[in-house]
Amino acid sequence: MMQIKKTFYSIVFFLLIANSAISQEENTKSEAGGPATAKELVGFWKMMPLPNKSANKINPWPQDYQWFWFTENGKVYSMMKSENGEYSSAELSNVFKVLPKDKTPNYRIQGQFVIIDNPEIKNYKELWGTNIFAKDIEGIAKKGDLIMTLDDGTQTGKVVYYRLLRRIK
């Protein structure tokens, strides 16, 4: 029974990601969601566990507990820990504000993608597809959750890493 449920969630997860890719290609929102706009992306986020961790081909950031802040001025801060915690946006803001802005990664939205570069690493670039869920998907995501899909670096759309984020209010 558990294997059937896991397979079902994997199929639903795949279909949602496929729908996200199609929506991104067409620059549209569907009833399931669509690409994140700049306004939707800005704010604090906590990474949530994926229903199927094996969907990730690689794991460049192996710590299970991660928090992010996408700022209005194009900076993206992150914090990773080996232990879970609940942080408010005010607490995370205090943590992230001590980090030097000139060494903090930048992000920009280009079409349906978020591109992240790091001023500390020459020619560093991450290409992320995004989808904001427009409704709850049982066992997978809640309305307003953000799924980010990392390209393998070839910019061919081959996804190697999924990140599911939930907004921190």
Protein backbone atom coordinates (compact mmCIF):
# COMPACT_ATOMS: atom_id res chain seq x y z
CA MET A 1 0.00 0.00 0.00
CA MET A 2 2.81 2.40 0.90
CA GLN A 3 4.56 1.71 -2.43
CA ILE A 4 1.34 2.42 -4.36
CA LYS A 5 0.88 5.71 -2.50
CA LYS A 6 4.53 6.67 -3.16
CA THR A 7 4.14 5.82 -6.86
CA PHE A 8 0.92 7.84 -7.03
CA TYR A 9 2.61 10.88 -5.45
CA SER A 10 5.55 10.52 -7.83
CA ILE A 11 3.22 10.51 -10.83
CA VAL A 12 1.24 13.52 -9.57
CA PHE A 13 4.49 15.36 -8.78
CA PHE A 14 5.81 14.63 -12.29
CA LEU A 15 2.56 15.82 -13.91
CA LEU A 16 2.65 19.06 -11.90
CA ILE A 17 6.23 19.70 -12.95
CA ALA A 18 5.37 18.92 -16.57
CA ASN A 19 2.44 21.34 -16.32
CA SER A 20 4.81 23.93 -14.88
CA ALA A 21 7.19 23.48 -17.80
CA ILE A 22 4.35 23.82 -20.31
CA SER A 23 3.03 26.92 -18.53
CA GLN A 24 6.53 28.40 -18.58
CA GLU A 25 6.86 27.72 -22.29
CA GLU A 26 3.53 29.39 -22.99
CA ASN A 27 4.00 32.18 -20.42
CA THR A 28 0.59 31.43 -18.95
CA LYS A 29 -0.95 30.52 -15.65
CA SER A 30 -3.15 27.46 -15.42
CA GLU A 31 -5.62 26.37 -12.77
CA ALA A 32 -2.73 24.46 -11.13
CA GLY A 33 -0.45 27.51 -11.09
CA GLY A 34 2.23 29.12 -13.17
CA PRO A 35 5.59 30.82 -13.20
CA ALA A 36 6.43 33.12 -10.29
CA THR A 37 6.30 36.83 -10.95
CA ALA A 38 8.78 39.19 -9.29
CA LYS A 39 6.09 40.27 -6.82
CA GLU A 40 5.30 36.64 -5.92
CA LEU A 41 8.95 35.67 -5.50
CA VAL A 42 9.96 38.48 -3.12
CA GLY A 43 9.87 37.44 0.52
CA PHE A 44 10.98 34.76 2.94
CA TRP A 45 10.66 31.05 2.20
CA LYS A 46 11.30 27.76 3.99
CA MET A 47 12.21 24.61 2.08
CA MET A 48 9.72 21.78 2.56
CA PRO A 49 10.45 18.07 2.10
CA LEU A 50 9.67 16.66 -1.33
CA PRO A 51 7.16 13.81 -1.45
CA ASN A 52 9.73 11.82 -3.44
CA LYS A 53 13.35 12.72 -2.69
CA SER A 54 14.57 10.41 -5.47
CA ALA A 55 13.28 12.99 -7.98
CA ASN A 56 16.53 14.89 -7.34
CA LYS A 57 19.30 13.60 -9.58
CA ILE A 58 21.86 15.61 -7.61
CA ASN A 59 21.78 17.42 -4.29
CA PRO A 60 24.16 20.38 -4.37
CA TRP A 61 22.80 21.64 -1.04
CA PRO A 62 22.44 18.50 1.11
CA GLN A 63 21.21 20.02 4.34
CA ASP A 64 17.51 19.26 4.86
CA TYR A 65 16.58 22.57 6.46
CA GLN A 66 16.92 25.69 4.35
CA TRP A 67 15.51 29.22 4.39
CA PHE A 68 15.64 31.90 1.69
CA TRP A 69 15.02 35.61 1.28
CA PHE A 70 14.41 37.04 -2.20
CA THR A 71 14.69 40.81 -1.80
CA GLU A 72 13.09 43.53 -3.89
CA ASN A 73 16.55 44.73 -4.95
CA GLY A 74 17.57 41.42 -6.55
CA LYS A 75 19.52 39.72 -3.78
CA VAL A 76 18.91 36.14 -2.63
CA TYR A 77 20.05 35.10 0.82
CA SER A 78 20.03 31.56 2.14
CA MET A 79 20.60 29.74 5.40
CA MET A 80 21.03 25.98 5.82
CA LYS A 81 21.03 23.95 9.01
CA SER A 82 21.12 20.32 10.01
CA GLU A 83 18.29 20.88 12.50
CA ASN A 84 14.79 22.16 11.82
CA GLY A 85 13.56 25.42 13.25
CA GLU A 86 10.69 27.82 12.89
CA TYR A 87 11.79 31.36 12.11
CA SER A 88 9.74 34.46 11.53
CA SER A 89 10.52 36.79 8.65
CA ALA A 90 11.80 39.33 11.21
CA GLU A 91 14.21 36.77 12.69
CA LEU A 92 15.48 35.74 9.25
CA SER A 93 15.85 39.37 8.22
CA ASN A 94 18.10 39.95 11.25
CA VAL A 95 20.21 36.91 10.34
CA PHE A 96 20.54 37.82 6.66
CA LYS A 97 21.20 41.56 7.19
CA VAL A 98 24.59 40.85 8.78
CA LEU A 99 25.81 39.25 5.53
CA PRO A 100 27.74 41.53 3.14
CA LYS A 101 25.56 42.62 0.23
CA ASP A 102 28.45 42.73 -2.22
CA LYS A 103 29.15 39.02 -1.64
CA THR A 104 25.49 37.92 -1.67
CA PRO A 105 24.15 36.16 -4.79
CA ASN A 106 21.98 38.17 -7.17
CA TYR A 107 18.84 37.01 -8.90
CA ARG A 108 16.83 38.29 -11.81
CA ILE A 109 13.72 37.08 -13.54
CA GLN A 110 14.15 36.49 -17.24
CA GLY A 111 10.94 35.40 -18.88
CA GLN A 112 9.75 32.39 -16.92
CA PHE A 113 13.06 31.72 -15.21
CA VAL A 114 15.00 32.92 -12.20
CA ILE A 115 18.70 33.33 -12.88
CA ILE A 116 21.06 33.42 -9.92
CA ASP A 117 24.67 34.56 -10.13
CA ASN A 118 27.29 34.84 -7.44
CA PRO A 119 29.67 37.82 -7.45
CA GLU A 120 32.21 35.70 -5.56
CA ILE A 121 32.41 32.99 -8.25
CA LYS A 122 33.40 33.91 -11.81
CA ASN A 123 30.89 32.71 -14.46
CA TYR A 124 28.61 31.17 -11.82
CA LYS A 125 24.99 30.85 -12.93
CA GLU A 126 21.96 28.86 -11.82
CA LEU A 127 18.90 28.65 -14.07
CA TRP A 128 15.68 27.88 -12.20
CA GLY A 129 12.20 27.24 -13.52
CA THR A 130 9.46 28.26 -11.09
CA ASN A 131 5.84 27.43 -10.39
CA ILE A 132 3.54 28.94 -7.76
CA PHE A 133 0.79 26.46 -6.90
CA ALA A 134 -2.68 27.97 -7.33
CA LYS A 135 -4.34 25.31 -5.19
CA ASP A 136 -3.57 22.65 -2.62
CA ILE A 137 -2.28 19.38 -4.02
CA GLU A 138 -2.87 16.69 -1.38
CA GLY A 139 0.34 15.19 -0.08
CA ILE A 140 2.51 17.44 -2.25
CA ALA A 141 2.01 21.18 -1.90
CA LYS A 142 -0.24 23.91 -0.55
CA LYS A 143 -1.69 26.85 -2.42
CA GLY A 144 1.03 29.50 -2.67
CA ASP A 145 3.94 27.06 -2.41
CA LEU A 146 6.81 27.60 -4.83
CA ILE A 147 8.51 24.78 -6.68
CA MET A 148 11.88 25.63 -8.20
CA THR A 149 13.51 23.36 -10.77
CA LEU A 150 17.25 23.62 -11.39
CA ASP A 151 18.58 23.17 -14.92
CA ASP A 152 21.61 20.89 -15.33
CA GLY A 153 23.71 23.80 -16.59
CA THR A 154 23.23 23.09 -20.28
CA GLN A 155 20.11 25.29 -20.45
CA THR A 156 18.25 22.50 -22.25
CA GLY A 157 15.54 22.18 -19.62
CA LYS A 158 16.91 18.98 -18.11
CA VAL A 159 15.93 19.24 -14.44
CA VAL A 160 18.38 17.79 -11.92
CA TYR A 161 17.12 19.29 -8.65
CA TYR A 162 13.72 20.26 -7.24
CA ARG A 163 13.21 22.65 -4.35
CA LEU A 164 9.76 23.06 -2.74
CA LEU A 165 9.38 26.27 -0.75
CA ARG A 166 6.65 27.59 1.53
CA ARG A 167 6.25 31.30 2.21
CA ILE A 168 7.01 32.52 5.72
CA LYS A 169 4.47 35.10 6.79
